[in-house]
Amino acid sequence: MSLLDRRTLLFGLVALAGCGFTPVYGPQGAARALLNAVEVDAPRDREGYLLVRHLEERLGQPTAPRFGLSIAIQLGEERMAITVENVATRFNLLGKATYALRDMASGEVVTTGTVESFTGYSTTGSTAATQAASRDASERLMVILGDKIITRLTLADLSPAT
């Protein structure tokens, strides 16, 4: 690492410390209240399972849950690349997840929101390849939606109302 790179890094760290920067997963970070404290409602389908699995990987398994998280998933598809024979060779998988985080002790809803995203997949291979691509796109979409939910939860005010 050159001297200039070290000075730039040191200046950046000092600037962040001066503005009150706190790492979100650090000891005083906003996400600390979520780690091992969120119990996600049981999934109803494959996509729900994939989303719950990703959320639990990121937030940890709840030991004594402080929060409960309910999620409703809506999926749709749209044809993107269409041949002159009117055959779609690419699809976009559209996803929308509406969530509500509630305090387990009081039952009050702490925060709610909706996140949206999409992924795509190709249909130019065999039937088995197209099905695999569709399943993979679904899994990628659930990771994206899960990450967006976690980001929103870490930005929410989780302190109890007084």
Foldseek 3Di string as FASTA:
>chain_A
DDPVVVVVVVVVVVVCVVVVHDPQCDPPHLCVCQALAEAEPDDDDDLSVLLNVLLCVVRPHHPHHQKYKYKDKDKDKDADDADPVRDGFKIKIKMKIWMWIAGPVVRHTQDIDMDIDIDMFGDPDDPVVRVVRVVVRSSVRSNVRSVVVSVVSSVGDRDDDD
